[in-house]
């Protein structure tokens, strides 16, 4: 009877695909959160689209063993706490503006340091440079993995006057987006009020802000042309380049099989060109949207950029080098990427 039972068990296992060394993988569901408006894989904010493309490709290539639930518009949790949730394993994945984590992870402030990154190509070169490897190591120590490298240029939406040069900032209430941008704005004579990008619209509408600096994509997605009269476009020169990677909790990553881990990293890397091309396209599209809304659009010229850079050197750059552990070494690594 025992032999008969074992034979039946083995036969049933083979029929289910469990025999002959084949293991039927248990389906794993991974939650991805972000603060940006939701859409579809083909329409909407490109950051949401990138997440959906990633999920679809991984699900397809894993044969359905990995599935995803996507929570846009901060519908799962508020924007800033998503980094801590990743590091503790309470959240699987997020497309996250890393500088938001600067309070807990001061080195992250380097990823929105004014006038350091001046092009998308330069930003993506961080990945294989010493600064990128060090950033990857520091995040790994904090139980977070970079899956897709995404950079975005930023522009400035303002209500009462254009904000082009440091002289324009005097007396203005400005949203910078990071500690270091805020330090530069303060040094230029402005006041700062920092809110996540999904809260800029209401802050501009209520008068809490006179101006907001954010990515071209956020200027579009959060309809800031409705609360502004002026746009300083980021398509030619911008002191504001933010690192907004797709991140994964190390705990969630290590729960995957080696083959699944390889798949996740390969698909993540494959989307970096899409991210760069889409961000560049939004740098142009935002100009059309603000122009059609009747807002006055200006481009920052090289002279204005150089003035901002000088203010940044004496404020944000100096602060990072002096107050962040190994700040000078990290800064030198960043500046070495041309």
C-alpha atoms as a PDB file:
ATOM      1  CA  UNK A   1       0.000   0.000   0.000  1.00  0.00           C
ATOM      2  CA  UNK A   2       2.882   2.340   0.816  1.00  0.00           C
ATOM      3  CA  UNK A   3       4.537   1.702  -2.553  1.00  0.00           C
ATOM      4  CA  UNK A   4       1.216   2.252  -4.329  1.00  0.00           C
ATOM      5  CA  UNK A   5       0.723   5.546  -2.464  1.00  0.00           C
ATOM      6  CA  UNK A   6       4.218   6.765  -3.383  1.00  0.00           C
ATOM      7  CA  UNK A   7       3.742   5.812  -7.036  1.00  0.00           C
ATOM      8  CA  UNK A   8       0.461   7.708  -7.154  1.00  0.00           C
ATOM      9  CA  UNK A   9       2.029  10.733  -5.460  1.00  0.00           C
ATOM     10  CA  UNK A  10       4.958  10.811  -7.899  1.00  0.00           C
ATOM     11  CA  UNK A  11       2.632  10.401 -10.879  1.00  0.00           C
ATOM     12  CA  UNK A  12       0.465  13.273  -9.664  1.00  0.00           C
ATOM     13  CA  UNK A  13       3.535  15.472  -9.153  1.00  0.00           C
ATOM     14  CA  UNK A  14       4.751  14.814 -12.692  1.00  0.00           C
ATOM     15  CA  UNK A  15       1.300  15.644 -14.045  1.00  0.00           C
ATOM     16  CA  UNK A  16       1.436  18.993 -12.222  1.00  0.00           C
ATOM     17  CA  UNK A  17       4.915  19.776 -13.521  1.00  0.00           C
ATOM     18  CA  UNK A  18       6.557  19.137 -10.151  1.00  0.00           C
ATOM     19  CA  UNK A  19       8.551  16.072 -11.150  1.00  0.00           C
ATOM     20  CA  UNK A  20      11.616  15.525 -13.332  1.00  0.00           C
ATOM     21  CA  UNK A  21      13.471  18.373 -11.598  1.00  0.00           C
ATOM     22  CA  UNK A  22      10.887  21.015 -12.580  1.00  0.00           C
ATOM     23  CA  UNK A  23       9.455  23.106  -9.783  1.00  0.00           C
ATOM     24  CA  UNK A  24       6.233  24.999 -10.372  1.00  0.00           C
ATOM     25  CA  UNK A  25       7.036  28.458  -9.027  1.00  0.00           C
ATOM     26  CA  UNK A  26       4.600  30.060  -6.638  1.00  0.00           C
ATOM     27  CA  UNK A  27       3.227  33.323  -7.988  1.00  0.00           C
ATOM     28  CA  UNK A  28       4.669  36.341  -6.148  1.00  0.00           C
ATOM     29  CA  UNK A  29       2.882  39.703  -6.146  1.00  0.00           C
ATOM     30  CA  UNK A  30       5.051  42.817  -5.872  1.00  0.00           C
ATOM     31  CA  UNK A  31       3.619  46.208  -4.917  1.00  0.00           C
ATOM     32  CA  UNK A  32       4.974  49.349  -6.617  1.00  0.00           C
ATOM     33  CA  UNK A  33       4.097  52.765  -5.192  1.00  0.00           C
ATOM     34  CA  UNK A  34       4.756  56.262  -6.518  1.00  0.00           C
ATOM     35  CA  UNK A  35       3.343  59.787  -6.139  1.00  0.00           C
ATOM     36  CA  UNK A  36       2.717  60.604  -9.796  1.00  0.00           C
ATOM     37  CA  UNK A  37      -0.625  60.536 -11.634  1.00  0.00           C
ATOM     38  CA  UNK A  38      -1.683  57.143 -12.922  1.00  0.00           C
ATOM     39  CA  UNK A  39      -2.363  56.337 -16.553  1.00  0.00           C
ATOM     40  CA  UNK A  40      -1.807  53.454 -18.922  1.00  0.00           C
ATOM     41  CA  UNK A  41       1.262  51.795 -20.379  1.00  0.00           C
ATOM     42  CA  UNK A  42       0.911  54.056 -23.439  1.00  0.00           C
ATOM     43  CA  UNK A  43      -0.553  57.296 -22.069  1.00  0.00           C
ATOM     44  CA  UNK A  44       0.155  59.620 -19.159  1.00  0.00           C
ATOM     45  CA  UNK A  45       3.095  60.583 -16.930  1.00  0.00           C
ATOM     46  CA  UNK A  46       6.127  58.726 -18.268  1.00  0.00           C
ATOM     47  CA  UNK A  47       7.192  57.689 -14.765  1.00  0.00           C
ATOM     48  CA  UNK A  48       3.932  55.806 -14.298  1.00  0.00           C
ATOM     49  CA  UNK A  49       4.332  54.380 -17.806  1.00  0.00           C
ATOM     50  CA  UNK A  50       7.889  53.252 -17.004  1.00  0.00           C
ATOM     51  CA  UNK A  51       6.614  51.390 -13.946  1.00  0.00           C
ATOM     52  CA  UNK A  52       3.866  49.741 -16.007  1.00  0.00           C
ATOM     53  CA  UNK A  53       6.307  48.780 -18.773  1.00  0.00           C
ATOM     54  CA  UNK A  54       8.627  47.270 -16.174  1.00  0.00           C
ATOM     55  CA  UNK A  55       5.801  45.287 -14.561  1.00  0.00           C
ATOM     56  CA  UNK A  56       4.449  44.009 -17.878  1.00  0.00           C
ATOM     57  CA  UNK A  57       7.854  42.908 -19.173  1.00  0.00           C
ATOM     58  CA  UNK A  58       8.916  41.168 -15.959  1.00  0.00           C
ATOM     59  CA  UNK A  59       5.563  39.400 -15.677  1.00  0.00           C
ATOM     60  CA  UNK A  60       5.830  38.252 -19.285  1.00  0.00           C
ATOM     61  CA  UNK A  61       9.429  37.064 -19.053  1.00  0.00           C
ATOM     62  CA  UNK A  62       8.861  35.335 -15.708  1.00  0.00           C
ATOM     63  CA  UNK A  63       6.009  33.351 -17.201  1.00  0.00           C
ATOM     64  CA  UNK A  64       3.589  34.942 -14.744  1.00  0.00           C
ATOM     65  CA  UNK A  65       5.598  33.877 -11.688  1.00  0.00           C
ATOM     66  CA  UNK A  66       6.037  37.573 -10.817  1.00  0.00           C
ATOM     67  CA  UNK A  67       2.980  39.816 -10.840  1.00  0.00           C
ATOM     68  CA  UNK A  68       2.624  43.455  -9.860  1.00  0.00           C
ATOM     69  CA  UNK A  69       0.164  45.804  -8.209  1.00  0.00           C
ATOM     70  CA  UNK A  70       0.788  49.474  -9.073  1.00  0.00           C
ATOM     71  CA  UNK A  71      -0.341  52.270  -6.760  1.00  0.00           C
ATOM     72  CA  UNK A  72       0.039  55.713  -8.401  1.00  0.00           C
ATOM     73  CA  UNK A  73      -0.775  59.153  -6.977  1.00  0.00           C
ATOM     74  CA  UNK A  74       0.437  58.242  -3.459  1.00  0.00           C
ATOM     75  CA  UNK A  75      -2.615  55.980  -3.141  1.00  0.00           C
ATOM     76  CA  UNK A  76      -0.738  53.400  -1.060  1.00  0.00           C
ATOM     77  CA  UNK A  77       1.316  55.755   1.107  1.00  0.00           C
ATOM     78  CA  UNK A  78       2.493  59.362   1.184  1.00  0.00           C
ATOM     79  CA  UNK A  79       5.514  60.243  -0.975  1.00  0.00           C
ATOM     80  CA  UNK A  80       8.322  60.972   1.488  1.00  0.00           C
ATOM     81  CA  UNK A  81       7.921  57.885   3.761  1.00  0.00           C
ATOM     82  CA  UNK A  82       8.271  55.508   0.809  1.00  0.00           C
ATOM     83  CA  UNK A  83      12.077  55.405   1.203  1.00  0.00           C
ATOM     84  CA  UNK A  84      11.866  54.236   4.812  1.00  0.00           C
ATOM     85  CA  UNK A  85       9.204  51.706   3.832  1.00  0.00           C
ATOM     86  CA  UNK A  86      11.589  50.312   1.208  1.00  0.00           C
ATOM     87  CA  UNK A  87      14.484  50.113   3.654  1.00  0.00           C
ATOM     88  CA  UNK A  88      12.417  48.231   6.232  1.00  0.00           C
ATOM     89  CA  UNK A  89      10.792  45.922   3.701  1.00  0.00           C
ATOM     90  CA  UNK A  90       7.304  47.345   4.298  1.00  0.00           C
ATOM     91  CA  UNK A  91       7.142  48.347   0.598  1.00  0.00           C
ATOM     92  CA  UNK A  92       8.444  46.299  -2.327  1.00  0.00           C
ATOM     93  CA  UNK A  93       9.179  48.976  -4.948  1.00  0.00           C
ATOM     94  CA  UNK A  94       8.869  52.693  -5.650  1.00  0.00           C
ATOM     95  CA  UNK A  95       9.778  55.172  -8.357  1.00  0.00           C
ATOM     96  CA  UNK A  96      11.150  57.700  -5.915  1.00  0.00           C
ATOM     97  CA  UNK A  97      12.869  61.127  -5.990  1.00  0.00           C
ATOM     98  CA  UNK A  98      15.859  60.042  -3.922  1.00  0.00           C
ATOM     99  CA  UNK A  99      16.551  63.504  -2.487  1.00  0.00           C
ATOM    100  CA  UNK A 100      13.283  63.139  -0.541  1.00  0.00           C
ATOM    101  CA  UNK A 101      15.252  60.708   1.651  1.00  0.00           C
ATOM    102  CA  UNK A 102      17.891  63.333   2.470  1.00  0.00           C
ATOM    103  CA  UNK A 103      16.719  63.751   6.058  1.00  0.00           C
ATOM    104  CA  UNK A 104      17.439  60.102   6.897  1.00  0.00           C
ATOM    105  CA  UNK A 105      20.126  59.502   4.297  1.00  0.00           C
ATOM    106  CA  UNK A 106      22.112  62.767   3.912  1.00  0.00           C
ATOM    107  CA  UNK A 107      24.228  61.441   1.045  1.00  0.00           C
ATOM    108  CA  UNK A 108      21.040  61.330  -1.039  1.00  0.00           C
ATOM    109  CA  UNK A 109      21.054  65.143  -1.165  1.00  0.00           C
ATOM    110  CA  UNK A 110      23.835  64.867  -3.735  1.00  0.00           C
ATOM    111  CA  UNK A 111      21.241  63.528  -6.188  1.00  0.00           C
ATOM    112  CA  UNK A 112      19.528  66.931  -6.386  1.00  0.00           C
ATOM    113  CA  UNK A 113      22.565  69.167  -5.955  1.00  0.00           C
ATOM    114  CA  UNK A 114      22.196  72.435  -7.880  1.00  0.00           C
ATOM    115  CA  UNK A 115      24.348  72.923 -10.989  1.00  0.00           C
ATOM    116  CA  UNK A 116      26.291  69.649 -10.700  1.00  0.00           C
ATOM    117  CA  UNK A 117      24.439  67.626 -13.341  1.00  0.00           C
ATOM    118  CA  UNK A 118      23.912  69.605 -16.539  1.00  0.00           C
ATOM    119  CA  UNK A 119      22.705  66.937 -18.999  1.00  0.00           C
ATOM    120  CA  UNK A 120      20.875  63.609 -19.027  1.00  0.00           C
ATOM    121  CA  UNK A 121      23.865  61.859 -20.552  1.00  0.00           C
ATOM    122  CA  UNK A 122      26.100  63.081 -17.733  1.00  0.00           C
ATOM    123  CA  UNK A 123      23.596  61.858 -15.147  1.00  0.00           C
ATOM    124  CA  UNK A 124      23.385  58.385 -16.662  1.00  0.00           C
ATOM    125  CA  UNK A 125      27.192  58.174 -16.711  1.00  0.00           C
ATOM    126  CA  UNK A 126      27.050  58.142 -12.913  1.00  0.00           C
ATOM    127  CA  UNK A 127      25.852  54.549 -13.062  1.00  0.00           C
ATOM    128  CA  UNK A 128      29.220  53.099 -14.064  1.00  0.00           C
ATOM    129  CA  UNK A 129      31.396  55.801 -12.498  1.00  0.00           C
ATOM    130  CA  UNK A 130      32.833  55.661  -8.955  1.00  0.00           C
ATOM    131  CA  UNK A 131      30.061  57.966  -7.669  1.00  0.00           C
ATOM    132  CA  UNK A 132      27.363  55.631  -8.988  1.00  0.00           C
ATOM    133  CA  UNK A 133      29.023  52.560  -7.515  1.00  0.00           C
ATOM    134  CA  UNK A 134      29.351  54.319  -4.158  1.00  0.00           C
ATOM    135  CA  UNK A 135      25.722  55.463  -4.223  1.00  0.00           C
ATOM    136  CA  UNK A 136      24.680  51.888  -5.037  1.00  0.00           C
ATOM    137  CA  UNK A 137      26.768  50.603  -2.118  1.00  0.00           C
ATOM    138  CA  UNK A 138      25.360  53.153   0.328  1.00  0.00           C
ATOM    139  CA  UNK A 139      21.796  52.273  -0.654  1.00  0.00           C
ATOM    140  CA  UNK A 140      22.553  48.562  -0.434  1.00  0.00           C
ATOM    141  CA  UNK A 141      23.739  49.131   3.145  1.00  0.00           C
ATOM    142  CA  UNK A 142      20.327  50.669   3.778  1.00  0.00           C
ATOM    143  CA  UNK A 143      18.523  47.696   2.213  1.00  0.00           C
ATOM    144  CA  UNK A 144      17.510  49.469  -0.998  1.00  0.00           C
ATOM    145  CA  UNK A 145      18.482  48.528  -4.576  1.00  0.00           C
ATOM    146  CA  UNK A 146      18.533  50.716  -7.690  1.00  0.00           C
ATOM    147  CA  UNK A 147      16.667  48.970 -10.513  1.00  0.00           C
ATOM    148  CA  UNK A 148      16.372  51.738 -13.148  1.00  0.00           C
ATOM    149  CA  UNK A 149      18.424  54.936 -13.318  1.00  0.00           C
ATOM    150  CA  UNK A 150      16.206  57.919 -14.187  1.00  0.00           C
ATOM    151  CA  UNK A 151      17.213  61.609 -14.222  1.00  0.00           C
ATOM    152  CA  UNK A 152      14.963  64.589 -14.876  1.00  0.00           C
ATOM    153  CA  UNK A 153      15.665  68.221 -15.668  1.00  0.00           C
ATOM    154  CA  UNK A 154      13.529  70.826 -13.968  1.00  0.00           C
ATOM    155  CA  UNK A 155      11.912  74.134 -14.742  1.00  0.00           C
ATOM    156  CA  UNK A 156      10.427  76.920 -12.631  1.00  0.00           C
ATOM    157  CA  UNK A 157       6.753  77.861 -12.523  1.00  0.00           C
ATOM    158  CA  UNK A 158       6.038  81.240 -10.921  1.00  0.00           C
ATOM    159  CA  UNK A 159       3.030  83.475 -10.300  1.00  0.00           C
ATOM    160  CA  UNK A 160       3.981  87.165 -10.078  1.00  0.00           C
ATOM    161  CA  UNK A 161       7.271  87.397 -12.001  1.00  0.00           C
ATOM    162  CA  UNK A 162       9.698  85.112 -13.822  1.00  0.00           C
ATOM    163  CA  UNK A 163      12.441  83.452 -11.792  1.00  0.00           C
ATOM    164  CA  UNK A 164      15.447  83.308 -14.110  1.00  0.00           C
ATOM    165  CA  UNK A 165      18.484  84.495 -12.156  1.00  0.00           C
ATOM    166  CA  UNK A 166      19.432  84.625  -8.459  1.00  0.00           C
ATOM    167  CA  UNK A 167      18.496  88.304  -8.331  1.00  0.00           C
ATOM    168  CA  UNK A 168      14.893  87.388  -9.142  1.00  0.00           C
ATOM    169  CA  UNK A 169      14.606  85.139  -6.061  1.00  0.00           C
ATOM    170  CA  UNK A 170      14.723  87.966  -3.521  1.00  0.00           C
ATOM    171  CA  UNK A 171      11.541  88.006  -1.444  1.00  0.00           C
ATOM    172  CA  UNK A 172       9.955  85.069  -3.283  1.00  0.00           C
ATOM    173  CA  UNK A 173       8.499  81.993  -1.534  1.00  0.00           C
ATOM    174  CA  UNK A 174       9.989  79.100  -3.476  1.00  0.00           C
ATOM    175  CA  UNK A 175       9.710  75.310  -3.470  1.00  0.00           C
ATOM    176  CA  UNK A 176      13.136  73.857  -4.255  1.00  0.00           C
ATOM    177  CA  UNK A 177      12.688  70.113  -3.884  1.00  0.00           C
ATOM    178  CA  UNK A 178      15.710  69.317  -1.713  1.00  0.00           C
ATOM    179  CA  UNK A 179      17.744  70.639   1.198  1.00  0.00           C
ATOM    180  CA  UNK A 180      20.545  71.719  -1.121  1.00  0.00           C
ATOM    181  CA  UNK A 181      18.326  73.570  -3.596  1.00  0.00           C
ATOM    182  CA  UNK A 182      16.692  75.284  -0.619  1.00  0.00           C
ATOM    183  CA  UNK A 183      20.078  76.425   0.679  1.00  0.00           C
ATOM    184  CA  UNK A 184      20.871  77.971  -2.698  1.00  0.00           C
ATOM    185  CA  UNK A 185      17.480  79.736  -2.836  1.00  0.00           C
ATOM    186  CA  UNK A 186      17.999  81.124   0.683  1.00  0.00           C
ATOM    187  CA  UNK A 187      21.483  82.341  -0.267  1.00  0.00           C
ATOM    188  CA  UNK A 188      19.898  84.169  -3.212  1.00  0.00           C
ATOM    189  CA  UNK A 189      17.477  85.935  -0.857  1.00  0.00           C
ATOM    190  CA  UNK A 190      14.388  83.759  -1.260  1.00  0.00           C
ATOM    191  CA  UNK A 191      12.265  82.006   1.361  1.00  0.00           C
ATOM    192  CA  UNK A 192      11.666  78.271   1.044  1.00  0.00           C
ATOM    193  CA  UNK A 193       8.642  76.082   1.635  1.00  0.00           C
ATOM    194  CA  UNK A 194       9.275  72.468   0.727  1.00  0.00           C
ATOM    195  CA  UNK A 195       6.386  70.204  -0.256  1.00  0.00           C
ATOM    196  CA  UNK A 196       6.271  67.017  -2.378  1.00  0.00           C
ATOM    197  CA  UNK A 197       5.563  67.675  -6.034  1.00  0.00           C
ATOM    198  CA  UNK A 198       2.008  66.335  -5.755  1.00  0.00           C
ATOM    199  CA  UNK A 199       1.202  69.152  -3.269  1.00  0.00           C
ATOM    200  CA  UNK A 200       2.639  72.069  -5.300  1.00  0.00           C
ATOM    201  CA  UNK A 201      -0.623  72.903  -7.063  1.00  0.00           C
ATOM    202  CA  UNK A 202      -2.532  73.619  -3.850  1.00  0.00           C
ATOM    203  CA  UNK A 203       0.434  75.488  -2.339  1.00  0.00           C
ATOM    204  CA  UNK A 204       0.671  77.728  -5.414  1.00  0.00           C
ATOM    205  CA  UNK A 205      -3.101  78.197  -5.531  1.00  0.00           C
ATOM    206  CA  UNK A 206      -3.313  79.222  -1.869  1.00  0.00           C
ATOM    207  CA  UNK A 207      -0.364  81.597  -1.972  1.00  0.00           C
ATOM    208  CA  UNK A 208       1.917  79.459   0.192  1.00  0.00           C
ATOM    209  CA  UNK A 209       4.294  79.474  -2.785  1.00  0.00           C
ATOM    210  CA  UNK A 210       5.197  82.157  -5.314  1.00  0.00           C
ATOM    211  CA  UNK A 211       7.268  79.757  -7.375  1.00  0.00           C
ATOM    212  CA  UNK A 212       8.055  76.075  -7.606  1.00  0.00           C
ATOM    213  CA  UNK A 213      11.011  74.235  -9.103  1.00  0.00           C
ATOM    214  CA  UNK A 214      10.230  70.708 -10.236  1.00  0.00           C
ATOM    215  CA  UNK A 215      10.722  68.378 -13.169  1.00  0.00           C
ATOM    216  CA  UNK A 216       9.227  69.227 -16.550  1.00  0.00           C
ATOM    217  CA  UNK A 217       7.086  66.096 -16.255  1.00  0.00           C
ATOM    218  CA  UNK A 218       5.667  67.192 -12.905  1.00  0.00           C
ATOM    219  CA  UNK A 219       5.029  70.699 -14.241  1.00  0.00           C
ATOM    220  CA  UNK A 220       2.851  68.975 -16.856  1.00  0.00           C
ATOM    221  CA  UNK A 221       1.264  66.189 -14.805  1.00  0.00           C
ATOM    222  CA  UNK A 222       0.299  68.398 -11.883  1.00  0.00           C
ATOM    223  CA  UNK A 223      -1.131  71.076 -14.259  1.00  0.00           C
ATOM    224  CA  UNK A 224       0.984  73.892 -12.835  1.00  0.00           C
ATOM    225  CA  UNK A 225       0.218  76.025 -15.897  1.00  0.00           C
ATOM    226  CA  UNK A 226      -3.158  76.591 -14.203  1.00  0.00           C
ATOM    227  CA  UNK A 227      -1.619  78.246 -11.124  1.00  0.00           C
ATOM    228  CA  UNK A 228       1.242  80.129 -12.811  1.00  0.00           C
ATOM    229  CA  UNK A 229       1.872  83.043 -15.140  1.00  0.00           C
ATOM    230  CA  UNK A 230       5.532  82.358 -15.958  1.00  0.00           C
ATOM    231  CA  UNK A 231       7.722  79.394 -16.833  1.00  0.00           C
ATOM    232  CA  UNK A 232      11.501  79.190 -16.810  1.00  0.00           C
ATOM    233  CA  UNK A 233      12.045  76.165 -19.050  1.00  0.00           C
ATOM    234  CA  UNK A 234      14.721  73.577 -18.358  1.00  0.00           C
ATOM    235  CA  UNK A 235      15.288  72.539 -21.971  1.00  0.00           C
ATOM    236  CA  UNK A 236      18.497  74.550 -22.549  1.00  0.00           C
ATOM    237  CA  UNK A 237      20.064  75.217 -19.160  1.00  0.00           C
ATOM    238  CA  UNK A 238      18.881  74.009 -15.762  1.00  0.00           C
ATOM    239  CA  UNK A 239      20.547  73.915 -12.353  1.00  0.00           C
ATOM    240  CA  UNK A 240      17.883  71.351 -11.329  1.00  0.00           C
ATOM    241  CA  UNK A 241      18.538  67.726 -12.309  1.00  0.00           C
ATOM    242  CA  UNK A 242      16.943  65.170 -10.007  1.00  0.00           C
ATOM    243  CA  UNK A 243      17.647  61.458  -9.677  1.00  0.00           C
ATOM    244  CA  UNK A 244      14.279  59.634  -9.648  1.00  0.00           C
ATOM    245  CA  UNK A 245      15.132  55.931  -9.873  1.00  0.00           C
ATOM    246  CA  UNK A 246      12.961  52.858  -9.733  1.00  0.00           C
ATOM    247  CA  UNK A 247      13.961  51.305  -6.412  1.00  0.00           C
ATOM    248  CA  UNK A 248      13.352  47.937  -4.784  1.00  0.00           C
ATOM    249  CA  UNK A 249      13.531  46.821  -1.191  1.00  0.00           C
ATOM    250  CA  UNK A 250      16.532  44.552  -0.688  1.00  0.00           C
ATOM    251  CA  UNK A 251      14.312  42.272   1.381  1.00  0.00           C
ATOM    252  CA  UNK A 252      11.899  41.871  -1.543  1.00  0.00           C
ATOM    253  CA  UNK A 253      14.755  41.464  -4.018  1.00  0.00           C
ATOM    254  CA  UNK A 254      16.415  38.726  -1.987  1.00  0.00           C
ATOM    255  CA  UNK A 255      13.109  36.851  -1.746  1.00  0.00           C
ATOM    256  CA  UNK A 256      13.344  36.293  -5.523  1.00  0.00           C
ATOM    257  CA  UNK A 257      15.176  33.392  -7.132  1.00  0.00           C
ATOM    258  CA  UNK A 258      18.579  34.179  -8.720  1.00  0.00           C
ATOM    259  CA  UNK A 259      16.979  33.935 -12.173  1.00  0.00           C
ATOM    260  CA  UNK A 260      14.220  36.352 -11.151  1.00  0.00           C
ATOM    261  CA  UNK A 261      16.749  38.791  -9.671  1.00  0.00           C
ATOM    262  CA  UNK A 262      18.687  38.770 -12.959  1.00  0.00           C
ATOM    263  CA  UNK A 263      15.466  39.349 -14.891  1.00  0.00           C
ATOM    264  CA  UNK A 264      14.437  42.296 -12.705  1.00  0.00           C
ATOM    265  CA  UNK A 265      17.836  43.976 -13.122  1.00  0.00           C
ATOM    266  CA  UNK A 266      17.941  43.395 -16.887  1.00  0.00           C
ATOM    267  CA  UNK A 267      14.441  44.749 -17.491  1.00  0.00           C
ATOM    268  CA  UNK A 268      15.159  47.710 -15.214  1.00  0.00           C
ATOM    269  CA  UNK A 269      18.308  48.626 -17.155  1.00  0.00           C
ATOM    270  CA  UNK A 270      16.518  48.209 -20.495  1.00  0.00           C
ATOM    271  CA  UNK A 271      14.113  51.038 -19.578  1.00  0.00           C
ATOM    272  CA  UNK A 272      16.769  53.688 -18.942  1.00  0.00           C
ATOM    273  CA  UNK A 273      16.774  54.940 -22.540  1.00  0.00           C
ATOM    274  CA  UNK A 274      12.975  55.191 -22.461  1.00  0.00           C
ATOM    275  CA  UNK A 275      13.229  57.275 -19.285  1.00  0.00           C
ATOM    276  CA  UNK A 276      15.813  59.643 -20.752  1.00  0.00           C
ATOM    277  CA  UNK A 277      14.002  60.075 -24.075  1.00  0.00           C
ATOM    278  CA  UNK A 278      10.658  60.679 -22.353  1.00  0.00           C
ATOM    279  CA  UNK A 279      12.153  63.242 -19.944  1.00  0.00           C
ATOM    280  CA  UNK A 280      13.767  65.120 -22.847  1.00  0.00           C
ATOM    281  CA  UNK A 281      10.476  65.138 -24.729  1.00  0.00           C
ATOM    282  CA  UNK A 282       8.701  66.614 -21.688  1.00  0.00           C
ATOM    283  CA  UNK A 283      11.293  69.421 -21.522  1.00  0.00           C
ATOM    284  CA  UNK A 284       9.921  70.539 -24.889  1.00  0.00           C
ATOM    285  CA  UNK A 285       6.273  69.614 -24.319  1.00  0.00           C
ATOM    286  CA  UNK A 286       6.014  71.699 -21.142  1.00  0.00           C
ATOM    287  CA  UNK A 287       6.880  74.806 -23.169  1.00  0.00           C
ATOM    288  CA  UNK A 288       3.974  74.154 -25.549  1.00  0.00           C
ATOM    289  CA  UNK A 289       1.531  73.572 -22.684  1.00  0.00           C
ATOM    290  CA  UNK A 290       2.446  76.749 -20.775  1.00  0.00           C
ATOM    291  CA  UNK A 291       2.484  78.798 -23.984  1.00  0.00           C
ATOM    292  CA  UNK A 292      -0.983  77.597 -24.994  1.00  0.00           C
ATOM    293  CA  UNK A 293      -2.219  78.477 -21.493  1.00  0.00           C
ATOM    294  CA  UNK A 294      -1.100  82.064 -22.054  1.00  0.00           C
ATOM    295  CA  UNK A 295       1.853  81.918 -19.670  1.00  0.00           C
ATOM    296  CA  UNK A 296       5.080  83.714 -20.532  1.00  0.00           C
ATOM    297  CA  UNK A 297       7.922  81.265 -21.207  1.00  0.00           C
ATOM    298  CA  UNK A 298      11.621  82.030 -20.892  1.00  0.00           C
ATOM    299  CA  UNK A 299      14.817  79.981 -21.176  1.00  0.00           C
ATOM    300  CA  UNK A 300      17.663  80.234 -18.701  1.00  0.00           C
ATOM    301  CA  UNK A 301      20.795  81.378 -20.543  1.00  0.00           C
ATOM    302  CA  UNK A 302      24.399  80.436 -19.771  1.00  0.00           C
ATOM    303  CA  UNK A 303      25.039  83.686 -17.894  1.00  0.00           C
ATOM    304  CA  UNK A 304      22.107  83.093 -15.519  1.00  0.00           C
ATOM    305  CA  UNK A 305      23.142  79.465 -15.019  1.00  0.00           C
ATOM    306  CA  UNK A 306      26.689  80.562 -14.139  1.00  0.00           C
ATOM    307  CA  UNK A 307      25.306  82.977 -11.526  1.00  0.00           C
ATOM    308  CA  UNK A 308      23.222  80.207  -9.944  1.00  0.00           C
ATOM    309  CA  UNK A 309      26.246  77.902  -9.939  1.00  0.00           C
ATOM    310  CA  UNK A 310      28.298  80.503  -8.105  1.00  0.00           C
ATOM    311  CA  UNK A 311      25.579  80.902  -5.451  1.00  0.00           C
ATOM    312  CA  UNK A 312      25.346  77.094  -5.161  1.00  0.00           C
ATOM    313  CA  UNK A 313      29.116  76.731  -4.657  1.00  0.00           C
ATOM    314  CA  UNK A 314      29.065  79.095  -1.701  1.00  0.00           C
ATOM    315  CA  UNK A 315      25.981  77.587  -0.082  1.00  0.00           C
ATOM    316  CA  UNK A 316      24.751  74.096  -1.010  1.00  0.00           C
ATOM    317  CA  UNK A 317      28.059  72.679  -2.222  1.00  0.00           C
ATOM    318  CA  UNK A 318      29.918  73.975   0.825  1.00  0.00           C
ATOM    319  CA  UNK A 319      27.234  72.694   3.208  1.00  0.00           C
ATOM    320  CA  UNK A 320      27.314  69.169   1.740  1.00  0.00           C
ATOM    321  CA  UNK A 321      31.095  68.934   1.854  1.00  0.00           C
ATOM    322  CA  UNK A 322      31.256  70.116   5.456  1.00  0.00           C
ATOM    323  CA  UNK A 323      28.253  68.383   7.032  1.00  0.00           C
ATOM    324  CA  UNK A 324      27.887  65.023   5.282  1.00  0.00           C
ATOM    325  CA  UNK A 325      30.171  62.157   6.226  1.00  0.00           C
ATOM    326  CA  UNK A 326      32.781  61.825   3.454  1.00  0.00           C
ATOM    327  CA  UNK A 327      30.955  64.710   1.749  1.00  0.00           C
ATOM    328  CA  UNK A 328      34.089  66.153   0.087  1.00  0.00           C
ATOM    329  CA  UNK A 329      35.053  62.742  -1.302  1.00  0.00           C
ATOM    330  CA  UNK A 330      31.543  62.117  -2.636  1.00  0.00           C
ATOM    331  CA  UNK A 331      31.381  65.585  -4.152  1.00  0.00           C
ATOM    332  CA  UNK A 332      34.710  65.157  -5.907  1.00  0.00           C
ATOM    333  CA  UNK A 333      33.446  61.848  -7.348  1.00  0.00           C
ATOM    334  CA  UNK A 334      30.315  63.590  -8.633  1.00  0.00           C
ATOM    335  CA  UNK A 335      32.251  66.476 -10.217  1.00  0.00           C
ATOM    336  CA  UNK A 336      34.644  64.051 -11.925  1.00  0.00           C
ATOM    337  CA  UNK A 337      31.792  62.816 -14.181  1.00  0.00           C
ATOM    338  CA  UNK A 338      31.765  65.124 -17.195  1.00  0.00           C
END
